[in-house]
């Protein structure tokens, strides 16, 4: 499914973005730190456990096209790390909607998101 082998391992952040990613990954058990090795290239990644498979995703703060809500954390496919099976798998998943206006994100395929609970803590969906 991925273009190179994944190895689940912890890695040290080298940027503010990576520090943010690791804080999210440490909070949710369905997210795992990993590396993908392709030849001499080693990429630090986060994998999402979904349908019994670990798939590399990109974590971001997605903004809803309809209402402008900025989600605290969403996982979107990273199509650059997968083959055609990765694309087919990700496109078979249900697309999540904005937790506020309930409309689908138009420019993003969101496959996982952390949502605010009533007490202000995050809860995965």
PDB file of N, CA and C in Angstrom:
ATOM      1  N   UNK A   1       0.817  -1.190   0.000  1.00  0.00           N
ATOM      2  CA  UNK A   1       0.000   0.000   0.000  1.00  0.00           C
ATOM      3  C   UNK A   1       0.867   1.263   0.000  1.00  0.00           C
ATOM      4  N   UNK A   2       1.936   1.264   0.814  1.00  0.00           N
ATOM      5  CA  UNK A   2       2.859   2.394   0.835  1.00  0.00           C
ATOM      6  C   UNK A   2       3.990   2.141  -0.147  1.00  0.00           C
ATOM      7  N   UNK A   3       4.626   3.201  -0.600  1.00  0.00           N
ATOM      8  CA  UNK A   3       5.696   3.055  -1.581  1.00  0.00           C
ATOM      9  C   UNK A   3       6.982   2.532  -0.973  1.00  0.00           C
ATOM     10  N   UNK A   4       7.050   2.488   0.338  1.00  0.00           N
ATOM     11  CA  UNK A   4       8.230   1.981   1.041  1.00  0.00           C
ATOM     12  C   UNK A   4       7.780   1.364   2.362  1.00  0.00           C
ATOM     13  N   UNK A   5       8.683   0.646   3.001  1.00  0.00           N
ATOM     14  CA  UNK A   5       8.368  -0.041   4.244  1.00  0.00           C
ATOM     15  C   UNK A   5       8.212   0.942   5.405  1.00  0.00           C
ATOM     16  N   UNK A   6       7.205   0.669   6.249  1.00  0.00           N
ATOM     17  CA  UNK A   6       6.995   1.451   7.462  1.00  0.00           C
ATOM     18  C   UNK A   6       7.594   0.726   8.645  1.00  0.00           C
ATOM     19  N   UNK A   7       8.207   1.480   9.540  1.00  0.00           N
ATOM     20  CA  UNK A   7       8.695   0.944  10.805  1.00  0.00           C
ATOM     21  C   UNK A   7       8.136   1.821  11.909  1.00  0.00           C
ATOM     22  N   UNK A   8       7.393   1.187  12.828  1.00  0.00           N
ATOM     23  CA  UNK A   8       6.831   1.942  13.941  1.00  0.00           C
ATOM     24  C   UNK A   8       7.941   2.207  14.953  1.00  0.00           C
ATOM     25  N   UNK A   9       8.270   3.463  15.131  1.00  0.00           N
ATOM     26  CA  UNK A   9       9.328   3.850  16.058  1.00  0.00           C
ATOM     27  C   UNK A   9       9.140   5.311  16.443  1.00  0.00           C
ATOM     28  N   UNK A  10       9.589   5.645  17.631  1.00  0.00           N
ATOM     29  CA  UNK A  10       9.526   7.046  18.072  1.00  0.00           C
ATOM     30  C   UNK A  10      10.671   7.824  17.435  1.00  0.00           C
ATOM     31  N   UNK A  11      10.444   9.088  17.169  1.00  0.00           N
ATOM     32  CA  UNK A  11      11.472   9.962  16.617  1.00  0.00           C
ATOM     33  C   UNK A  11      11.380  11.316  17.294  1.00  0.00           C
ATOM     34  N   UNK A  12      12.452  12.051  17.218  1.00  0.00           N
ATOM     35  CA  UNK A  12      12.539  13.362  17.861  1.00  0.00           C
ATOM     36  C   UNK A  12      12.120  14.451  16.870  1.00  0.00           C
ATOM     37  N   UNK A  13      11.299  15.391  17.316  1.00  0.00           N
ATOM     38  CA  UNK A  13      10.870  16.470  16.414  1.00  0.00           C
ATOM     39  C   UNK A  13      12.015  17.419  16.089  1.00  0.00           C
ATOM     40  N   UNK A  14      11.965  17.954  14.866  1.00  0.00           N
ATOM     41  CA  UNK A  14      12.977  18.902  14.423  1.00  0.00           C
ATOM     42  C   UNK A  14      12.372  20.237  14.001  1.00  0.00           C
ATOM     43  N   UNK A  15      11.071  20.418  14.266  1.00  0.00           N
ATOM     44  CA  UNK A  15      10.409  21.678  13.920  1.00  0.00           C
ATOM     45  C   UNK A  15       9.201  21.861  14.840  1.00  0.00           C
ATOM     46  N   UNK A  16       8.649  23.059  14.813  1.00  0.00           N
ATOM     47  CA  UNK A  16       7.437  23.320  15.601  1.00  0.00           C
ATOM     48  C   UNK A  16       6.283  22.428  15.127  1.00  0.00           C
ATOM     49  N   UNK A  17       6.173  22.243  13.805  1.00  0.00           N
ATOM     50  CA  UNK A  17       5.115  21.384  13.270  1.00  0.00           C
ATOM     51  C   UNK A  17       5.271  19.955  13.786  1.00  0.00           C
ATOM     52  N   UNK A  18       6.486  19.412  13.738  1.00  0.00           N
ATOM     53  CA  UNK A  18       6.706  18.047  14.215  1.00  0.00           C
ATOM     54  C   UNK A  18       6.435  17.929  15.714  1.00  0.00           C
ATOM     55  N   UNK A  19       6.743  18.955  16.483  1.00  0.00           N
ATOM     56  CA  UNK A  19       6.433  18.955  17.916  1.00  0.00           C
ATOM     57  C   UNK A  19       4.922  18.876  18.116  1.00  0.00           C
ATOM     58  N   UNK A  20       4.163  19.640  17.342  1.00  0.00           N
ATOM     59  CA  UNK A  20       2.701  19.610  17.397  1.00  0.00           C
ATOM     60  C   UNK A  20       2.173  18.229  17.003  1.00  0.00           C
ATOM     61  N   UNK A  21       2.714  17.665  15.916  1.00  0.00           N
ATOM     62  CA  UNK A  21       2.291  16.337  15.448  1.00  0.00           C
ATOM     63  C   UNK A  21       2.520  15.290  16.535  1.00  0.00           C
ATOM     64  N   UNK A  22       3.678  15.309  17.164  1.00  0.00           N
ATOM     65  CA  UNK A  22       3.973  14.317  18.194  1.00  0.00           C
ATOM     66  C   UNK A  22       3.077  14.479  19.416  1.00  0.00           C
ATOM     67  N   UNK A  23       2.732  15.706  19.763  1.00  0.00           N
ATOM     68  CA  UNK A  23       1.815  15.920  20.883  1.00  0.00           C
ATOM     69  C   UNK A  23       0.454  15.302  20.583  1.00  0.00           C
ATOM     70  N   UNK A  24      -0.013  15.423  19.356  1.00  0.00           N
ATOM     71  CA  UNK A  24      -1.284  14.806  18.953  1.00  0.00           C
ATOM     72  C   UNK A  24      -1.139  13.287  18.944  1.00  0.00           C
ATOM     73  N   UNK A  25      -0.072  12.772  18.341  1.00  0.00           N
ATOM     74  CA  UNK A  25       0.130  11.315  18.252  1.00  0.00           C
ATOM     75  C   UNK A  25       0.247  10.679  19.629  1.00  0.00           C
ATOM     76  N   UNK A  26       0.857  11.377  20.572  1.00  0.00           N
ATOM     77  CA  UNK A  26       0.985  10.837  21.926  1.00  0.00           C
ATOM     78  C   UNK A  26      -0.350  10.788  22.662  1.00  0.00           C
ATOM     79  N   UNK A  27      -1.277  11.607  22.248  1.00  0.00           N
ATOM     80  CA  UNK A  27      -2.567  11.711  22.939  1.00  0.00           C
ATOM     81  C   UNK A  27      -3.584  10.659  22.481  1.00  0.00           C
ATOM     82  N   UNK A  28      -3.473  10.206  21.241  1.00  0.00           N
ATOM     83  CA  UNK A  28      -4.468   9.302  20.669  1.00  0.00           C
ATOM     84  C   UNK A  28      -3.822   7.974  20.281  1.00  0.00           C
ATOM     85  N   UNK A  29      -4.294   6.858  20.830  1.00  0.00           N
ATOM     86  CA  UNK A  29      -3.665   5.557  20.559  1.00  0.00           C
ATOM     87  C   UNK A  29      -3.791   5.095  19.110  1.00  0.00           C
ATOM     88  N   UNK A  30      -4.730   5.631  18.365  1.00  0.00           N
ATOM     89  CA  UNK A  30      -4.878   5.228  16.961  1.00  0.00           C
ATOM     90  C   UNK A  30      -3.840   5.891  16.053  1.00  0.00           C
ATOM     91  N   UNK A  31      -3.089   6.832  16.591  1.00  0.00           N
ATOM     92  CA  UNK A  31      -2.007   7.474  15.845  1.00  0.00           C
ATOM     93  C   UNK A  31      -0.672   6.957  16.371  1.00  0.00           C
ATOM     94  N   UNK A  32       0.239   6.609  15.450  1.00  0.00           N
ATOM     95  CA  UNK A  32       1.537   6.063  15.837  1.00  0.00           C
ATOM     96  C   UNK A  32       2.655   6.781  15.091  1.00  0.00           C
ATOM     97  N   UNK A  33       3.732   7.021  15.796  1.00  0.00           N
ATOM     98  CA  UNK A  33       4.929   7.539  15.141  1.00  0.00           C
ATOM     99  C   UNK A  33       5.553   6.410  14.323  1.00  0.00           C
ATOM    100  N   UNK A  34       6.079   6.749  13.158  1.00  0.00           N
ATOM    101  CA  UNK A  34       6.743   5.748  12.335  1.00  0.00           C
ATOM    102  C   UNK A  34       7.740   6.448  11.418  1.00  0.00           C
ATOM    103  N   UNK A  35       8.548   5.644  10.774  1.00  0.00           N
ATOM    104  CA  UNK A  35       9.428   6.140   9.724  1.00  0.00           C
ATOM    105  C   UNK A  35       9.178   5.297   8.482  1.00  0.00           C
ATOM    106  N   UNK A  36       9.354   5.930   7.338  1.00  0.00           N
ATOM    107  CA  UNK A  36       9.257   5.240   6.063  1.00  0.00           C
ATOM    108  C   UNK A  36      10.620   5.347   5.406  1.00  0.00           C
ATOM    109  N   UNK A  37      11.186   4.203   5.055  1.00  0.00           N
ATOM    110  CA  UNK A  37      12.517   4.167   4.466  1.00  0.00           C
ATOM    111  C   UNK A  37      12.401   3.771   2.999  1.00  0.00           C
ATOM    112  N   UNK A  38      12.927   4.626   2.122  1.00  0.00           N
ATOM    113  CA  UNK A  38      12.959   4.369   0.684  1.00  0.00           C
ATOM    114  C   UNK A  38      14.370   4.656   0.204  1.00  0.00           C
ATOM    115  N   UNK A  39      15.157   3.608   0.027  1.00  0.00           N
ATOM    116  CA  UNK A  39      16.552   3.793  -0.361  1.00  0.00           C
ATOM    117  C   UNK A  39      17.312   4.493   0.739  1.00  0.00           C
ATOM    118  N   UNK A  40      17.938   5.623   0.411  1.00  0.00           N
ATOM    119  CA  UNK A  40      18.680   6.408   1.395  1.00  0.00           C
ATOM    120  C   UNK A  40      17.810   7.437   2.117  1.00  0.00           C
ATOM    121  N   UNK A  41      16.549   7.515   1.737  1.00  0.00           N
ATOM    122  CA  UNK A  41      15.655   8.512   2.311  1.00  0.00           C
ATOM    123  C   UNK A  41      14.860   7.924   3.477  1.00  0.00           C
ATOM    124  N   UNK A  42      14.880   8.632   4.596  1.00  0.00           N
ATOM    125  CA  UNK A  42      14.098   8.236   5.771  1.00  0.00           C
ATOM    126  C   UNK A  42      13.160   9.397   6.086  1.00  0.00           C
ATOM    127  N   UNK A  43      11.864   9.114   6.070  1.00  0.00           N
ATOM    128  CA  UNK A  43      10.863  10.140   6.354  1.00  0.00           C
ATOM    129  C   UNK A  43      10.183   9.838   7.681  1.00  0.00           C
ATOM    130  N   UNK A  44      10.112  10.846   8.544  1.00  0.00           N
ATOM    131  CA  UNK A  44       9.379  10.714   9.808  1.00  0.00           C
ATOM    132  C   UNK A  44       7.907  10.949   9.505  1.00  0.00           C
ATOM    133  N   UNK A  45       7.050  10.049   9.991  1.00  0.00           N
ATOM    134  CA  UNK A  45       5.633  10.088   9.638  1.00  0.00           C
ATOM    135  C   UNK A  45       4.766   9.774  10.841  1.00  0.00           C
ATOM    136  N   UNK A  46       3.462   9.889  10.628  1.00  0.00           N
ATOM    137  CA  UNK A  46       2.455   9.433  11.579  1.00  0.00           C
ATOM    138  C   UNK A  46       1.520   8.512  10.819  1.00  0.00           C
ATOM    139  N   UNK A  47       1.245   7.350  11.418  1.00  0.00           N
ATOM    140  CA  UNK A  47       0.313   6.400  10.821  1.00  0.00           C
ATOM    141  C   UNK A  47      -0.965   6.380  11.643  1.00  0.00           C
ATOM    142  N   UNK A  48      -2.073   6.246  10.954  1.00  0.00           N
ATOM    143  CA  UNK A  48      -3.390   6.134  11.570  1.00  0.00           C
ATOM    144  C   UNK A  48      -3.859   4.695  11.434  1.00  0.00           C
ATOM    145  N   UNK A  49      -4.234   4.084  12.545  1.00  0.00           N
ATOM    146  CA  UNK A  49      -4.785   2.733  12.510  1.00  0.00           C
ATOM    147  C   UNK A  49      -6.252   2.846  12.131  1.00  0.00           C
ATOM    148  N   UNK A  50      -6.576   2.333  10.961  1.00  0.00           N
ATOM    149  CA  UNK A  50      -7.946   2.403  10.471  1.00  0.00           C
ATOM    150  C   UNK A  50      -8.244   1.133   9.690  1.00  0.00           C
ATOM    151  N   UNK A  51      -9.358   0.485  10.029  1.00  0.00           N
ATOM    152  CA  UNK A  51      -9.731  -0.793   9.415  1.00  0.00           C
ATOM    153  C   UNK A  51      -8.595  -1.808   9.503  1.00  0.00           C
ATOM    154  N   UNK A  52      -7.991  -1.899  10.666  1.00  0.00           N
ATOM    155  CA  UNK A  52      -6.911  -2.853  10.949  1.00  0.00           C
ATOM    156  C   UNK A  52      -5.662  -2.638  10.107  1.00  0.00           C
ATOM    157  N   UNK A  53      -5.467  -1.446   9.573  1.00  0.00           N
ATOM    158  CA  UNK A  53      -4.267  -1.142   8.798  1.00  0.00           C
ATOM    159  C   UNK A  53      -3.670   0.172   9.300  1.00  0.00           C
ATOM    160  N   UNK A  54      -2.352   0.209   9.358  1.00  0.00           N
ATOM    161  CA  UNK A  54      -1.639   1.449   9.665  1.00  0.00           C
ATOM    162  C   UNK A  54      -1.360   2.160   8.347  1.00  0.00           C
ATOM    163  N   UNK A  55      -1.915   3.354   8.192  1.00  0.00           N
ATOM    164  CA  UNK A  55      -1.719   4.118   6.960  1.00  0.00           C
ATOM    165  C   UNK A  55      -1.156   5.492   7.304  1.00  0.00           C
ATOM    166  N   UNK A  56      -0.198   5.931   6.528  1.00  0.00           N
ATOM    167  CA  UNK A  56       0.402   7.240   6.754  1.00  0.00           C
ATOM    168  C   UNK A  56      -0.621   8.316   6.405  1.00  0.00           C
ATOM    169  N   UNK A  57      -0.723   9.291   7.299  1.00  0.00           N
ATOM    170  CA  UNK A  57      -1.614  10.431   7.079  1.00  0.00           C
ATOM    171  C   UNK A  57      -0.844  11.706   7.366  1.00  0.00           C
ATOM    172  N   UNK A  58      -1.420  12.792   6.933  1.00  0.00           N
ATOM    173  CA  UNK A  58      -0.882  14.119   7.211  1.00  0.00           C
ATOM    174  C   UNK A  58      -1.812  14.758   8.224  1.00  0.00           C
ATOM    175  N   UNK A  59      -1.275  15.262   9.318  1.00  0.00           N
ATOM    176  CA  UNK A  59      -2.088  15.937  10.328  1.00  0.00           C
ATOM    177  C   UNK A  59      -2.054  17.441  10.069  1.00  0.00           C
ATOM    178  N   UNK A  60      -3.220  18.062  10.180  1.00  0.00           N
ATOM    179  CA  UNK A  60      -3.319  19.491   9.915  1.00  0.00           C
ATOM    180  C   UNK A  60      -4.509  20.079  10.657  1.00  0.00           C
ATOM    181  N   UNK A  61      -4.561  21.390  10.683  1.00  0.00           N
ATOM    182  CA  UNK A  61      -5.722  22.109  11.194  1.00  0.00           C
ATOM    183  C   UNK A  61      -6.555  22.497   9.973  1.00  0.00           C
ATOM    184  N   UNK A  62      -7.592  21.732   9.700  1.00  0.00           N
ATOM    185  CA  UNK A  62      -8.414  21.938   8.516  1.00  0.00           C
ATOM    186  C   UNK A  62      -9.457  23.022   8.775  1.00  0.00           C
ATOM    187  N   UNK A  63      -9.641  23.903   7.800  1.00  0.00           N
ATOM    188  CA  UNK A  63     -10.640  24.962   7.891  1.00  0.00           C
ATOM    189  C   UNK A  63     -11.832  24.563   7.033  1.00  0.00           C
ATOM    190  N   UNK A  64     -13.028  24.635   7.618  1.00  0.00           N
ATOM    191  CA  UNK A  64     -14.252  24.297   6.899  1.00  0.00           C
ATOM    192  C   UNK A  64     -14.520  25.338   5.816  1.00  0.00           C
ATOM    193  N   UNK A  65     -14.792  24.879   4.603  1.00  0.00           N
ATOM    194  CA  UNK A  65     -15.090  25.773   3.488  1.00  0.00           C
ATOM    195  C   UNK A  65     -16.434  26.474   3.667  1.00  0.00           C
ATOM    196  N   UNK A  66     -17.346  25.847   4.399  1.00  0.00           N
ATOM    197  CA  UNK A  66     -18.702  26.388   4.535  1.00  0.00           C
ATOM    198  C   UNK A  66     -18.834  27.412   5.654  1.00  0.00           C
ATOM    199  N   UNK A  67     -18.315  27.075   6.848  1.00  0.00           N
ATOM    200  CA  UNK A  67     -18.544  27.963   8.001  1.00  0.00           C
ATOM    201  C   UNK A  67     -17.273  28.621   8.528  1.00  0.00           C
ATOM    202  N   UNK A  68     -16.101  28.176   8.068  1.00  0.00           N
ATOM    203  CA  UNK A  68     -14.845  28.775   8.504  1.00  0.00           C
ATOM    204  C   UNK A  68     -14.283  28.217   9.798  1.00  0.00           C
ATOM    205  N   UNK A  69     -14.953  27.201  10.380  1.00  0.00           N
ATOM    206  CA  UNK A  69     -14.444  26.587  11.618  1.00  0.00           C
ATOM    207  C   UNK A  69     -13.064  25.985  11.361  1.00  0.00           C
ATOM    208  N   UNK A  70     -12.136  26.238  12.281  1.00  0.00           N
ATOM    209  CA  UNK A  70     -10.783  25.682  12.165  1.00  0.00           C
ATOM    210  C   UNK A  70     -10.666  24.512  13.131  1.00  0.00           C
ATOM    211  N   UNK A  71     -10.640  23.299  12.581  1.00  0.00           N
ATOM    212  CA  UNK A  71     -10.542  22.095  13.399  1.00  0.00           C
ATOM    213  C   UNK A  71      -9.180  22.030  14.067  1.00  0.00           C
ATOM    214  N   UNK A  72      -9.152  21.578  15.314  1.00  0.00           N
ATOM    215  CA  UNK A  72      -7.893  21.486  16.047  1.00  0.00           C
ATOM    216  C   UNK A  72      -6.929  20.494  15.418  1.00  0.00           C
ATOM    217  N   UNK A  73      -7.421  19.369  14.944  1.00  0.00           N
ATOM    218  CA  UNK A  73      -6.556  18.400  14.285  1.00  0.00           C
ATOM    219  C   UNK A  73      -7.378  17.463  13.425  1.00  0.00           C
ATOM    220  N   UNK A  74      -6.957  17.317  12.183  1.00  0.00           N
ATOM    221  CA  UNK A  74      -7.578  16.388  11.248  1.00  0.00           C
ATOM    222  C   UNK A  74      -6.483  15.570  10.578  1.00  0.00           C
ATOM    223  N   UNK A  75      -6.840  14.349  10.204  1.00  0.00           N
ATOM    224  CA  UNK A  75      -5.940  13.515   9.415  1.00  0.00           C
ATOM    225  C   UNK A  75      -6.473  13.448   7.993  1.00  0.00           C
ATOM    226  N   UNK A  76      -5.598  13.751   7.054  1.00  0.00           N
ATOM    227  CA  UNK A  76      -5.946  13.688   5.638  1.00  0.00           C
ATOM    228  C   UNK A  76      -4.955  12.753   4.952  1.00  0.00           C
ATOM    229  N   UNK A  77      -5.382  12.101   3.855  1.00  0.00           N
ATOM    230  CA  UNK A  77      -4.468  11.195   3.154  1.00  0.00           C
ATOM    231  C   UNK A  77      -3.229  11.930   2.650  1.00  0.00           C
ATOM    232  N   UNK A  78      -2.122  11.206   2.641  1.00  0.00           N
ATOM    233  CA  UNK A  78      -0.878  11.699   2.056  1.00  0.00           C
ATOM    234  C   UNK A  78      -0.636  10.849   0.812  1.00  0.00           C
ATOM    235  N   UNK A  79      -1.291  11.210  -0.289  1.00  0.00           N
ATOM    236  CA  UNK A  79      -1.271  10.382  -1.493  1.00  0.00           C
ATOM    237  C   UNK A  79       0.123  10.212  -2.075  1.00  0.00           C
ATOM    238  N   UNK A  80       1.071  11.067  -1.695  1.00  0.00           N
ATOM    239  CA  UNK A  80       2.434  10.946  -2.202  1.00  0.00           C
ATOM    240  C   UNK A  80       3.200   9.766  -1.643  1.00  0.00           C
ATOM    241  N   UNK A  81       2.708   9.127  -0.571  1.00  0.00           N
ATOM    242  CA  UNK A  81       3.433   8.019   0.048  1.00  0.00           C
ATOM    243  C   UNK A  81       2.841   6.661  -0.296  1.00  0.00           C
ATOM    244  N   UNK A  82       1.799   6.654  -1.109  1.00  0.00           N
ATOM    245  CA  UNK A  82       1.132   5.385  -1.379  1.00  0.00           C
ATOM    246  C   UNK A  82       1.052   5.050  -2.852  1.00  0.00           C
ATOM    247  N   UNK A  83       0.763   3.778  -3.092  1.00  0.00           N
ATOM    248  CA  UNK A  83       0.549   3.314  -4.455  1.00  0.00           C
ATOM    249  C   UNK A  83      -0.951   3.382  -4.759  1.00  0.00           C
ATOM    250  N   UNK A  84      -1.388   2.738  -5.825  1.00  0.00           N
ATOM    251  CA  UNK A  84      -2.801   2.798  -6.194  1.00  0.00           C
ATOM    252  C   UNK A  84      -3.696   2.149  -5.141  1.00  0.00           C
ATOM    253  N   UNK A  85      -3.187   1.130  -4.424  1.00  0.00           N
ATOM    254  CA  UNK A  85      -3.976   0.518  -3.355  1.00  0.00           C
ATOM    255  C   UNK A  85      -4.230   1.510  -2.223  1.00  0.00           C
ATOM    256  N   UNK A  86      -3.236   2.341  -1.920  1.00  0.00           N
ATOM    257  CA  UNK A  86      -3.399   3.374  -0.889  1.00  0.00           C
ATOM    258  C   UNK A  86      -4.510   4.328  -1.304  1.00  0.00           C
ATOM    259  N   UNK A  87      -4.459   4.803  -2.524  1.00  0.00           N
ATOM    260  CA  UNK A  87      -5.480   5.727  -3.017  1.00  0.00           C
ATOM    261  C   UNK A  87      -6.871   5.119  -2.983  1.00  0.00           C
ATOM    262  N   UNK A  88      -6.985   3.874  -3.419  1.00  0.00           N
ATOM    263  CA  UNK A  88      -8.287   3.202  -3.415  1.00  0.00           C
ATOM    264  C   UNK A  88      -8.802   3.025  -1.989  1.00  0.00           C
ATOM    265  N   UNK A  89      -7.897   2.644  -1.066  1.00  0.00           N
ATOM    266  CA  UNK A  89      -8.284   2.458   0.328  1.00  0.00           C
ATOM    267  C   UNK A  89      -8.773   3.770   0.927  1.00  0.00           C
ATOM    268  N   UNK A  90      -7.996   4.836   0.759  1.00  0.00           N
ATOM    269  CA  UNK A  90      -8.369   6.127   1.338  1.00  0.00           C
ATOM    270  C   UNK A  90      -9.660   6.661   0.726  1.00  0.00           C
ATOM    271  N   UNK A  91      -9.840   6.470  -0.568  1.00  0.00           N
ATOM    272  CA  UNK A  91     -11.063   6.951  -1.210  1.00  0.00           C
ATOM    273  C   UNK A  91     -12.282   6.111  -0.846  1.00  0.00           C
ATOM    274  N   UNK A  92     -12.072   4.912  -0.282  1.00  0.00           N
ATOM    275  CA  UNK A  92     -13.201   4.074   0.143  1.00  0.00           C
ATOM    276  C   UNK A  92     -13.708   4.450   1.530  1.00  0.00           C
ATOM    277  N   UNK A  93     -12.927   5.245   2.253  1.00  0.00           N
ATOM    278  CA  UNK A  93     -13.312   5.631   3.613  1.00  0.00           C
ATOM    279  C   UNK A  93     -14.378   6.722   3.577  1.00  0.00           C
ATOM    280  N   UNK A  94     -15.255   6.739   4.586  1.00  0.00           N
ATOM    281  CA  UNK A  94     -16.231   7.825   4.639  1.00  0.00           C
ATOM    282  C   UNK A  94     -15.535   9.158   4.913  1.00  0.00           C
ATOM    283  N   UNK A  95     -15.989  10.183   4.244  1.00  0.00           N
ATOM    284  CA  UNK A  95     -15.451  11.529   4.460  1.00  0.00           C
ATOM    285  C   UNK A  95     -16.161  12.132   5.650  1.00  0.00           C
ATOM    286  N   UNK A  96     -15.384  12.680   6.560  1.00  0.00           N
ATOM    287  CA  UNK A  96     -15.961  13.290   7.752  1.00  0.00           C
ATOM    288  C   UNK A  96     -16.433  14.708   7.452  1.00  0.00           C
ATOM    289  N   UNK A  97     -17.329  15.173   8.282  1.00  0.00           N
ATOM    290  CA  UNK A  97     -17.917  16.500   8.121  1.00  0.00           C
ATOM    291  C   UNK A  97     -17.428  17.437   9.213  1.00  0.00           C
ATOM    292  N   UNK A  98     -17.627  18.701   8.981  1.00  0.00           N
ATOM    293  CA  UNK A  98     -17.322  19.722   9.977  1.00  0.00           C
ATOM    294  C   UNK A  98     -18.176  19.465  11.215  1.00  0.00           C
ATOM    295  N   UNK A  99     -17.563  19.465  12.411  1.00  0.00           N
ATOM    296  CA  UNK A  99     -18.344  19.205  13.621  1.00  0.00           C
ATOM    297  C   UNK A  99     -19.318  20.333  13.979  1.00  0.00           C
ATOM    298  N   UNK A 100     -19.184  21.505  13.373  1.00  0.00           N
ATOM    299  CA  UNK A 100     -20.061  22.626  13.699  1.00  0.00           C
ATOM    300  C   UNK A 100     -21.223  22.768  12.721  1.00  0.00           C
ATOM    301  N   UNK A 101     -20.931  22.834  11.426  1.00  0.00           N
ATOM    302  CA  UNK A 101     -22.022  23.032  10.465  1.00  0.00           C
ATOM    303  C   UNK A 101     -22.506  21.721   9.845  1.00  0.00           C
ATOM    304  N   UNK A 102     -21.779  20.632  10.101  1.00  0.00           N
ATOM    305  CA  UNK A 102     -22.138  19.278   9.647  1.00  0.00           C
ATOM    306  C   UNK A 102     -22.038  19.087   8.134  1.00  0.00           C
ATOM    307  N   UNK A 103     -21.470  20.038   7.422  1.00  0.00           N
ATOM    308  CA  UNK A 103     -21.285  19.881   5.972  1.00  0.00           C
ATOM    309  C   UNK A 103     -19.925  19.249   5.709  1.00  0.00           C
ATOM    310  N   UNK A 104     -19.822  18.529   4.586  1.00  0.00           N
ATOM    311  CA  UNK A 104     -18.559  17.907   4.222  1.00  0.00           C
ATOM    312  C   UNK A 104     -17.525  18.980   3.892  1.00  0.00           C
ATOM    313  N   UNK A 105     -16.279  18.696   4.267  1.00  0.00           N
ATOM    314  CA  UNK A 105     -15.187  19.561   3.837  1.00  0.00           C
ATOM    315  C   UNK A 105     -15.100  19.424   2.319  1.00  0.00           C
ATOM    316  N   UNK A 106     -15.022  20.533   1.607  1.00  0.00           N
ATOM    317  CA  UNK A 106     -15.042  20.491   0.148  1.00  0.00           C
ATOM    318  C   UNK A 106     -13.667  20.239  -0.460  1.00  0.00           C
ATOM    319  N   UNK A 107     -12.632  20.810   0.129  1.00  0.00           N
ATOM    320  CA  UNK A 107     -11.300  20.715  -0.483  1.00  0.00           C
ATOM    321  C   UNK A 107     -10.397  19.685   0.180  1.00  0.00           C
ATOM    322  N   UNK A 108     -10.903  18.966   1.178  1.00  0.00           N
ATOM    323  CA  UNK A 108     -10.091  18.001   1.897  1.00  0.00           C
ATOM    324  C   UNK A 108     -10.840  16.700   2.078  1.00  0.00           C
ATOM    325  N   UNK A 109     -10.113  15.603   2.039  1.00  0.00           N
ATOM    326  CA  UNK A 109     -10.656  14.303   2.410  1.00  0.00           C
ATOM    327  C   UNK A 109     -10.210  14.074   3.845  1.00  0.00           C
ATOM    328  N   UNK A 110     -11.096  14.317   4.777  1.00  0.00           N
ATOM    329  CA  UNK A 110     -10.776  14.167   6.192  1.00  0.00           C
ATOM    330  C   UNK A 110     -11.233  12.779   6.628  1.00  0.00           C
ATOM    331  N   UNK A 111     -10.275  11.957   7.110  1.00  0.00           N
ATOM    332  CA  UNK A 111     -10.594  10.577   7.503  1.00  0.00           C
ATOM    333  C   UNK A 111     -10.572  10.374   9.013  1.00  0.00           C
ATOM    334  N   UNK A 112     -10.105  11.361   9.760  1.00  0.00           N
ATOM    335  CA  UNK A 112     -10.075  11.316  11.229  1.00  0.00           C
ATOM    336  C   UNK A 112      -9.984  12.742  11.721  1.00  0.00           C
ATOM    337  N   UNK A 113     -10.651  13.026  12.830  1.00  0.00           N
ATOM    338  CA  UNK A 113     -10.497  14.360  13.411  1.00  0.00           C
ATOM    339  C   UNK A 113     -10.706  14.314  14.914  1.00  0.00           C
ATOM    340  N   UNK A 114      -9.994  15.167  15.588  1.00  0.00           N
ATOM    341  CA  UNK A 114     -10.188  15.363  17.024  1.00  0.00           C
ATOM    342  C   UNK A 114     -11.240  16.444  17.175  1.00  0.00           C
ATOM    343  N   UNK A 115     -12.194  16.216  18.055  1.00  0.00           N
ATOM    344  CA  UNK A 115     -13.250  17.198  18.263  1.00  0.00           C
ATOM    345  C   UNK A 115     -13.268  17.638  19.702  1.00  0.00           C
ATOM    346  N   UNK A 116     -13.756  18.828  19.916  1.00  0.00           N
ATOM    347  CA  UNK A 116     -13.886  19.346  21.276  1.00  0.00           C
ATOM    348  C   UNK A 116     -15.095  18.725  21.963  1.00  0.00           C
ATOM    349  N   UNK A 117     -14.879  18.261  23.177  1.00  0.00           N
ATOM    350  CA  UNK A 117     -15.994  17.816  24.001  1.00  0.00           C
ATOM    351  C   UNK A 117     -16.498  19.003  24.791  1.00  0.00           C
ATOM    352  N   UNK A 118     -17.528  18.821  25.563  1.00  0.00           N
ATOM    353  CA  UNK A 118     -18.115  19.928  26.319  1.00  0.00           C
ATOM    354  C   UNK A 118     -17.140  20.542  27.305  1.00  0.00           C
ATOM    355  N   UNK A 119     -16.225  19.742  27.859  1.00  0.00           N
ATOM    356  CA  UNK A 119     -15.294  20.284  28.850  1.00  0.00           C
ATOM    357  C   UNK A 119     -14.035  20.881  28.217  1.00  0.00           C
ATOM    358  N   UNK A 120     -13.992  20.929  26.889  1.00  0.00           N
ATOM    359  CA  UNK A 120     -12.859  21.535  26.203  1.00  0.00           C
ATOM    360  C   UNK A 120     -11.741  20.564  25.877  1.00  0.00           C
ATOM    361  N   UNK A 121     -11.852  19.310  26.316  1.00  0.00           N
ATOM    362  CA  UNK A 121     -10.840  18.303  25.983  1.00  0.00           C
ATOM    363  C   UNK A 121     -11.097  17.762  24.573  1.00  0.00           C
ATOM    364  N   UNK A 122     -10.086  17.152  23.989  1.00  0.00           N
ATOM    365  CA  UNK A 122     -10.212  16.578  22.658  1.00  0.00           C
ATOM    366  C   UNK A 122     -10.742  15.154  22.731  1.00  0.00           C
ATOM    367  N   UNK A 123     -11.534  14.788  21.739  1.00  0.00           N
ATOM    368  CA  UNK A 123     -12.016  13.416  21.607  1.00  0.00           C
ATOM    369  C   UNK A 123     -11.900  13.022  20.148  1.00  0.00           C
ATOM    370  N   UNK A 124     -11.379  11.844  19.875  1.00  0.00           N
ATOM    371  CA  UNK A 124     -11.197  11.403  18.492  1.00  0.00           C
ATOM    372  C   UNK A 124     -12.514  10.930  17.906  1.00  0.00           C
ATOM    373  N   UNK A 125     -12.636  11.120  16.583  1.00  0.00           N
ATOM    374  CA  UNK A 125     -13.801  10.577  15.868  1.00  0.00           C
ATOM    375  C   UNK A 125     -13.334   9.676  14.776  1.00  0.00           C
TER     376      UNK A 125
END
